[in-house]
Amino acid sequence: MQRQEDRIALLRQALRSPDAWQVAAALKYVGDTLEPELRRRLVPDLVELSASPLWASETRDVLERI
């Protein structure tokens, strides 16, 4: 359980990073690898990120998979 909490915390941190490569890697991991129940816990963070024109398209793709 703690390991899942740590993964979610790290992903949240990466999704808010000013470094584009960290955000891109986190989006790819969330969309392609992360378990669906854990993806759902990141919905608020993904919705917030989708407001950014830079990430809107990629974030919407991930949100559609949830």
PDB file of N, CA and C in Angstrom:
ATOM      1  N   MET A   1       0.822  -1.193   0.000  1.00  0.00           N
ATOM      2  CA  MET A   1       0.000   0.000   0.000  1.00  0.00           C
ATOM      3  C   MET A   1       0.868   1.260   0.000  1.00  0.00           C
ATOM      4  N   GLN A   2       1.879   1.271   0.848  1.00  0.00           N
ATOM      5  CA  GLN A   2       2.753   2.436   0.914  1.00  0.00           C
ATOM      6  C   GLN A   2       3.489   2.637  -0.403  1.00  0.00           C
ATOM      7  N   ARG A   3       3.821   1.539  -1.046  1.00  0.00           N
ATOM      8  CA  ARG A   3       4.525   1.634  -2.332  1.00  0.00           C
ATOM      9  C   ARG A   3       3.641   2.312  -3.382  1.00  0.00           C
ATOM     10  N   GLN A   4       2.349   1.986  -3.380  1.00  0.00           N
ATOM     11  CA  GLN A   4       1.407   2.640  -4.305  1.00  0.00           C
ATOM     12  C   GLN A   4       1.303   4.126  -3.997  1.00  0.00           C
ATOM     13  N   GLU A   5       1.237   4.459  -2.722  1.00  0.00           N
ATOM     14  CA  GLU A   5       1.165   5.870  -2.318  1.00  0.00           C
ATOM     15  C   GLU A   5       2.407   6.625  -2.791  1.00  0.00           C
ATOM     16  N   ASP A   6       3.559   5.983  -2.674  1.00  0.00           N
ATOM     17  CA  ASP A   6       4.797   6.609  -3.115  1.00  0.00           C
ATOM     18  C   ASP A   6       4.797   6.822  -4.631  1.00  0.00           C
ATOM     19  N   ARG A   7       4.314   5.835  -5.384  1.00  0.00           N
ATOM     20  CA  ARG A   7       4.241   5.962  -6.844  1.00  0.00           C
ATOM     21  C   ARG A   7       3.322   7.107  -7.241  1.00  0.00           C
ATOM     22  N   ILE A   8       2.167   7.205  -6.599  1.00  0.00           N
ATOM     23  CA  ILE A   8       1.216   8.269  -6.899  1.00  0.00           C
ATOM     24  C   ILE A   8       1.841   9.626  -6.580  1.00  0.00           C
ATOM     25  N   ALA A   9       2.520   9.723  -5.448  1.00  0.00           N
ATOM     26  CA  ALA A   9       3.159  10.987  -5.057  1.00  0.00           C
ATOM     27  C   ALA A   9       4.231  11.392  -6.074  1.00  0.00           C
ATOM     28  N   LEU A  10       5.036  10.435  -6.510  1.00  0.00           N
ATOM     29  CA  LEU A  10       6.067  10.736  -7.511  1.00  0.00           C
ATOM     30  C   LEU A  10       5.460  11.142  -8.846  1.00  0.00           C
ATOM     31  N   LEU A  11       4.385  10.479  -9.235  1.00  0.00           N
ATOM     32  CA  LEU A  11       3.721  10.837 -10.495  1.00  0.00           C
ATOM     33  C   LEU A  11       3.102  12.220 -10.411  1.00  0.00           C
ATOM     34  N   ARG A  12       2.495  12.540  -9.289  1.00  0.00           N
ATOM     35  CA  ARG A  12       1.936  13.893  -9.114  1.00  0.00           C
ATOM     36  C   ARG A  12       3.021  14.942  -9.220  1.00  0.00           C
ATOM     37  N   GLN A  13       4.162  14.669  -8.605  1.00  0.00           N
ATOM     38  CA  GLN A  13       5.286  15.595  -8.660  1.00  0.00           C
ATOM     39  C   GLN A  13       5.775  15.748 -10.099  1.00  0.00           C
ATOM     40  N   ALA A  14       5.863  14.660 -10.837  1.00  0.00           N
ATOM     41  CA  ALA A  14       6.326  14.717 -12.226  1.00  0.00           C
ATOM     42  C   ALA A  14       5.324  15.447 -13.119  1.00  0.00           C
ATOM     43  N   LEU A  15       4.032  15.248 -12.875  1.00  0.00           N
ATOM     44  CA  LEU A  15       3.013  15.925 -13.686  1.00  0.00           C
ATOM     45  C   LEU A  15       3.022  17.435 -13.474  1.00  0.00           C
ATOM     46  N   ARG A  16       3.527  17.876 -12.332  1.00  0.00           N
ATOM     47  CA  ARG A  16       3.596  19.320 -12.026  1.00  0.00           C
ATOM     48  C   ARG A  16       4.973  19.915 -12.298  1.00  0.00           C
ATOM     49  N   SER A  17       5.865  19.107 -12.805  1.00  0.00           N
ATOM     50  CA  SER A  17       7.241  19.544 -13.020  1.00  0.00           C
ATOM     51  C   SER A  17       7.330  20.611 -14.110  1.00  0.00           C
ATOM     52  N   PRO A  18       8.265  21.541 -13.975  1.00  0.00           N
ATOM     53  CA  PRO A  18       8.499  22.508 -15.048  1.00  0.00           C
ATOM     54  C   PRO A  18       9.286  21.896 -16.210  1.00  0.00           C
ATOM     55  N   ASP A  19       9.835  20.707 -16.002  1.00  0.00           N
ATOM     56  CA  ASP A  19      10.604  20.035 -17.048  1.00  0.00           C
ATOM     57  C   ASP A  19       9.671  19.221 -17.948  1.00  0.00           C
ATOM     58  N   ALA A  20       9.641  19.584 -19.211  1.00  0.00           N
ATOM     59  CA  ALA A  20       8.732  18.935 -20.164  1.00  0.00           C
ATOM     60  C   ALA A  20       8.969  17.436 -20.256  1.00  0.00           C
ATOM     61  N   TRP A  21      10.215  17.014 -20.180  1.00  0.00           N
ATOM     62  CA  TRP A  21      10.482  15.584 -20.315  1.00  0.00           C
ATOM     63  C   TRP A  21       9.898  14.792 -19.152  1.00  0.00           C
ATOM     64  N   GLN A  22       9.873  15.377 -17.939  1.00  0.00           N
ATOM     65  CA  GLN A  22       9.277  14.677 -16.796  1.00  0.00           C
ATOM     66  C   GLN A  22       7.770  14.555 -16.964  1.00  0.00           C
ATOM     67  N   VAL A  23       7.144  15.627 -17.426  1.00  0.00           N
ATOM     68  CA  VAL A  23       5.692  15.595 -17.638  1.00  0.00           C
ATOM     69  C   VAL A  23       5.364  14.575 -18.722  1.00  0.00           C
ATOM     70  N   ALA A  24       6.107  14.599 -19.823  1.00  0.00           N
ATOM     71  CA  ALA A  24       5.859  13.666 -20.920  1.00  0.00           C
ATOM     72  C   ALA A  24       6.037  12.221 -20.469  1.00  0.00           C
ATOM     73  N   ALA A  25       7.085  11.953 -19.714  1.00  0.00           N
ATOM     74  CA  ALA A  25       7.328  10.591 -19.229  1.00  0.00           C
ATOM     75  C   ALA A  25       6.227  10.144 -18.271  1.00  0.00           C
ATOM     76  N   ALA A  26       5.791  11.044 -17.397  1.00  0.00           N
ATOM     77  CA  ALA A  26       4.716  10.705 -16.459  1.00  0.00           C
ATOM     78  C   ALA A  26       3.416  10.424 -17.199  1.00  0.00           C
ATOM     79  N   LEU A  27       3.089  11.254 -18.194  1.00  0.00           N
ATOM     80  CA  LEU A  27       1.866  11.022 -18.974  1.00  0.00           C
ATOM     81  C   LEU A  27       1.916   9.677 -19.685  1.00  0.00           C
ATOM     82  N   LYS A  28       3.065   9.363 -20.266  1.00  0.00           N
ATOM     83  CA  LYS A  28       3.204   8.081 -20.960  1.00  0.00           C
ATOM     84  C   LYS A  28       3.039   6.922 -19.985  1.00  0.00           C
ATOM     85  N   TYR A  29       3.665   7.014 -18.836  1.00  0.00           N
ATOM     86  CA  TYR A  29       3.559   5.949 -17.831  1.00  0.00           C
ATOM     87  C   TYR A  29       2.121   5.801 -17.346  1.00  0.00           C
ATOM     88  N   VAL A  30       1.488   6.916 -17.035  1.00  0.00           N
ATOM     89  CA  VAL A  30       0.106   6.865 -16.548  1.00  0.00           C
ATOM     90  C   VAL A  30      -0.810   6.263 -17.620  1.00  0.00           C
ATOM     91  N   GLY A  31      -0.631   6.689 -18.856  1.00  0.00           N
ATOM     92  CA  GLY A  31      -1.501   6.206 -19.925  1.00  0.00           C
ATOM     93  C   GLY A  31      -1.239   4.785 -20.357  1.00  0.00           C
ATOM     94  N   ASP A  32       0.020   4.345 -20.324  1.00  0.00           N
ATOM     95  CA  ASP A  32       0.373   3.040 -20.881  1.00  0.00           C
ATOM     96  C   ASP A  32       0.581   1.940 -19.850  1.00  0.00           C
ATOM     97  N   THR A  33       1.016   2.286 -18.651  1.00  0.00           N
ATOM     98  CA  THR A  33       1.489   1.268 -17.718  1.00  0.00           C
ATOM     99  C   THR A  33       0.715   1.217 -16.404  1.00  0.00           C
ATOM    100  N   LEU A  34       0.353   2.351 -15.882  1.00  0.00           N
ATOM    101  CA  LEU A  34      -0.255   2.417 -14.552  1.00  0.00           C
ATOM    102  C   LEU A  34      -1.592   1.680 -14.510  1.00  0.00           C
ATOM    103  N   GLU A  35      -1.821   0.987 -13.422  1.00  0.00           N
ATOM    104  CA  GLU A  35      -3.061   0.250 -13.239  1.00  0.00           C
ATOM    105  C   GLU A  35      -4.256   1.207 -13.236  1.00  0.00           C
ATOM    106  N   PRO A  36      -5.375   0.775 -13.813  1.00  0.00           N
ATOM    107  CA  PRO A  36      -6.552   1.657 -13.924  1.00  0.00           C
ATOM    108  C   PRO A  36      -7.025   2.252 -12.600  1.00  0.00           C
ATOM    109  N   GLU A  37      -6.990   1.492 -11.515  1.00  0.00           N
ATOM    110  CA  GLU A  37      -7.463   2.038 -10.241  1.00  0.00           C
ATOM    111  C   GLU A  37      -6.538   3.147  -9.736  1.00  0.00           C
ATOM    112  N   LEU A  38      -5.260   3.054 -10.060  1.00  0.00           N
ATOM    113  CA  LEU A  38      -4.338   4.118  -9.663  1.00  0.00           C
ATOM    114  C   LEU A  38      -4.454   5.314 -10.604  1.00  0.00           C
ATOM    115  N   ARG A  39      -4.757   5.075 -11.869  1.00  0.00           N
ATOM    116  CA  ARG A  39      -4.987   6.182 -12.815  1.00  0.00           C
ATOM    117  C   ARG A  39      -6.112   7.070 -12.323  1.00  0.00           C
ATOM    118  N   ARG A  40      -7.171   6.452 -11.837  1.00  0.00           N
ATOM    119  CA  ARG A  40      -8.334   7.217 -11.377  1.00  0.00           C
ATOM    120  C   ARG A  40      -7.960   8.177 -10.247  1.00  0.00           C
ATOM    121  N   ARG A  41      -6.983   7.819  -9.455  1.00  0.00           N
ATOM    122  CA  ARG A  41      -6.569   8.699  -8.355  1.00  0.00           C
ATOM    123  C   ARG A  41      -5.845   9.940  -8.862  1.00  0.00           C
ATOM    124  N   LEU A  42      -5.376   9.898 -10.100  1.00  0.00           N
ATOM    125  CA  LEU A  42      -4.662  11.039 -10.677  1.00  0.00           C
ATOM    126  C   LEU A  42      -5.557  11.937 -11.528  1.00  0.00           C
ATOM    127  N   VAL A  43      -6.845  11.636 -11.607  1.00  0.00           N
ATOM    128  CA  VAL A  43      -7.752  12.423 -12.453  1.00  0.00           C
ATOM    129  C   VAL A  43      -7.689  13.921 -12.137  1.00  0.00           C
ATOM    130  N   PRO A  44      -7.754  14.347 -10.872  1.00  0.00           N
ATOM    131  CA  PRO A  44      -7.686  15.806 -10.619  1.00  0.00           C
ATOM    132  C   PRO A  44      -6.406  16.445 -11.163  1.00  0.00           C
ATOM    133  N   ASP A  45      -5.293  15.737 -11.037  1.00  0.00           N
ATOM    134  CA  ASP A  45      -4.021  16.263 -11.531  1.00  0.00           C
ATOM    135  C   ASP A  45      -4.027  16.326 -13.061  1.00  0.00           C
ATOM    136  N   LEU A  46      -4.608  15.322 -13.684  1.00  0.00           N
ATOM    137  CA  LEU A  46      -4.670  15.291 -15.148  1.00  0.00           C
ATOM    138  C   LEU A  46      -5.601  16.366 -15.688  1.00  0.00           C
ATOM    139  N   VAL A  47      -6.707  16.593 -15.005  1.00  0.00           N
ATOM    140  CA  VAL A  47      -7.634  17.651 -15.420  1.00  0.00           C
ATOM    141  C   VAL A  47      -6.947  19.009 -15.316  1.00  0.00           C
ATOM    142  N   GLU A  48      -6.223  19.215 -14.247  1.00  0.00           N
ATOM    143  CA  GLU A  48      -5.488  20.472 -14.079  1.00  0.00           C
ATOM    144  C   GLU A  48      -4.452  20.642 -15.201  1.00  0.00           C
ATOM    145  N   LEU A  49      -3.744  19.584 -15.519  1.00  0.00           N
ATOM    146  CA  LEU A  49      -2.727  19.637 -16.566  1.00  0.00           C
ATOM    147  C   LEU A  49      -3.350  19.866 -17.941  1.00  0.00           C
ATOM    148  N   SER A  50      -4.548  19.366 -18.153  1.00  0.00           N
ATOM    149  CA  SER A  50      -5.198  19.518 -19.459  1.00  0.00           C
ATOM    150  C   SER A  50      -5.550  20.965 -19.775  1.00  0.00           C
ATOM    151  N   ALA A  51      -5.525  21.839 -18.775  1.00  0.00           N
ATOM    152  CA  ALA A  51      -5.783  23.265 -19.005  1.00  0.00           C
ATOM    153  C   ALA A  51      -4.613  23.945 -19.710  1.00  0.00           C
ATOM    154  N   SER A  52      -3.461  23.297 -19.686  1.00  0.00           N
ATOM    155  CA  SER A  52      -2.282  23.842 -20.358  1.00  0.00           C
ATOM    156  C   SER A  52      -2.332  23.522 -21.850  1.00  0.00           C
ATOM    157  N   PRO A  53      -2.226  24.522 -22.714  1.00  0.00           N
ATOM    158  CA  PRO A  53      -2.253  24.256 -24.157  1.00  0.00           C
ATOM    159  C   PRO A  53      -1.158  23.285 -24.599  1.00  0.00           C
ATOM    160  N   LEU A  54      -0.040  23.296 -23.918  1.00  0.00           N
ATOM    161  CA  LEU A  54       1.064  22.414 -24.271  1.00  0.00           C
ATOM    162  C   LEU A  54       0.725  20.940 -24.055  1.00  0.00           C
ATOM    163  N   TRP A  55      -0.071  20.653 -23.024  1.00  0.00           N
ATOM    164  CA  TRP A  55      -0.345  19.271 -22.648  1.00  0.00           C
ATOM    165  C   TRP A  55      -1.791  18.843 -22.862  1.00  0.00           C
ATOM    166  N   ALA A  56      -2.628  19.714 -23.355  1.00  0.00           N
ATOM    167  CA  ALA A  56      -4.066  19.422 -23.444  1.00  0.00           C
ATOM    168  C   ALA A  56      -4.364  18.154 -24.235  1.00  0.00           C
ATOM    169  N   SER A  57      -3.791  18.016 -25.402  1.00  0.00           N
ATOM    170  CA  SER A  57      -4.096  16.872 -26.262  1.00  0.00           C
ATOM    171  C   SER A  57      -3.650  15.553 -25.635  1.00  0.00           C
ATOM    172  N   GLU A  58      -2.414  15.506 -25.163  1.00  0.00           N
ATOM    173  CA  GLU A  58      -1.894  14.273 -24.562  1.00  0.00           C
ATOM    174  C   GLU A  58      -2.652  13.908 -23.293  1.00  0.00           C
ATOM    175  N   THR A  59      -2.994  14.919 -22.514  1.00  0.00           N
ATOM    176  CA  THR A  59      -3.707  14.660 -21.268  1.00  0.00           C
ATOM    177  C   THR A  59      -5.117  14.148 -21.542  1.00  0.00           C
ATOM    178  N   ARG A  60      -5.781  14.720 -22.534  1.00  0.00           N
ATOM    179  CA  ARG A  60      -7.122  14.229 -22.892  1.00  0.00           C
ATOM    180  C   ARG A  60      -7.074  12.773 -23.320  1.00  0.00           C
ATOM    181  N   ASP A  61      -6.043  12.394 -24.069  1.00  0.00           N
ATOM    182  CA  ASP A  61      -5.899  10.990 -24.479  1.00  0.00           C
ATOM    183  C   ASP A  61      -5.812  10.066 -23.266  1.00  0.00           C
ATOM    184  N   VAL A  62      -5.041  10.475 -22.270  1.00  0.00           N
ATOM    185  CA  VAL A  62      -4.908   9.670 -21.056  1.00  0.00           C
ATOM    186  C   VAL A  62      -6.228   9.636 -20.298  1.00  0.00           C
ATOM    187  N   LEU A  63      -6.894  10.770 -20.184  1.00  0.00           N
ATOM    188  CA  LEU A  63      -8.172  10.814 -19.469  1.00  0.00           C
ATOM    189  C   LEU A  63      -9.232   9.944 -20.150  1.00  0.00           C
ATOM    190  N   GLU A  64      -9.196   9.846 -21.452  1.00  0.00           N
ATOM    191  CA  GLU A  64     -10.167   9.010 -22.161  1.00  0.00           C
ATOM    192  C   GLU A  64      -9.979   7.522 -21.853  1.00  0.00           C
ATOM    193  N   ARG A  65      -8.794   7.138 -21.453  1.00  0.00           N
ATOM    194  CA  ARG A  65      -8.525   5.727 -21.134  1.00  0.00           C
ATOM    195  C   ARG A  65      -8.982   5.338 -19.731  1.00  0.00           C
ATOM    196  N   ILE A  66      -9.330   6.340 -18.936  1.00  0.00           N
ATOM    197  CA  ILE A  66      -9.695   6.061 -17.540  1.00  0.00           C
ATOM    198  C   ILE A  66     -11.141   5.637 -17.445  1.00  0.00           C
TER     199      ILE A  66
END
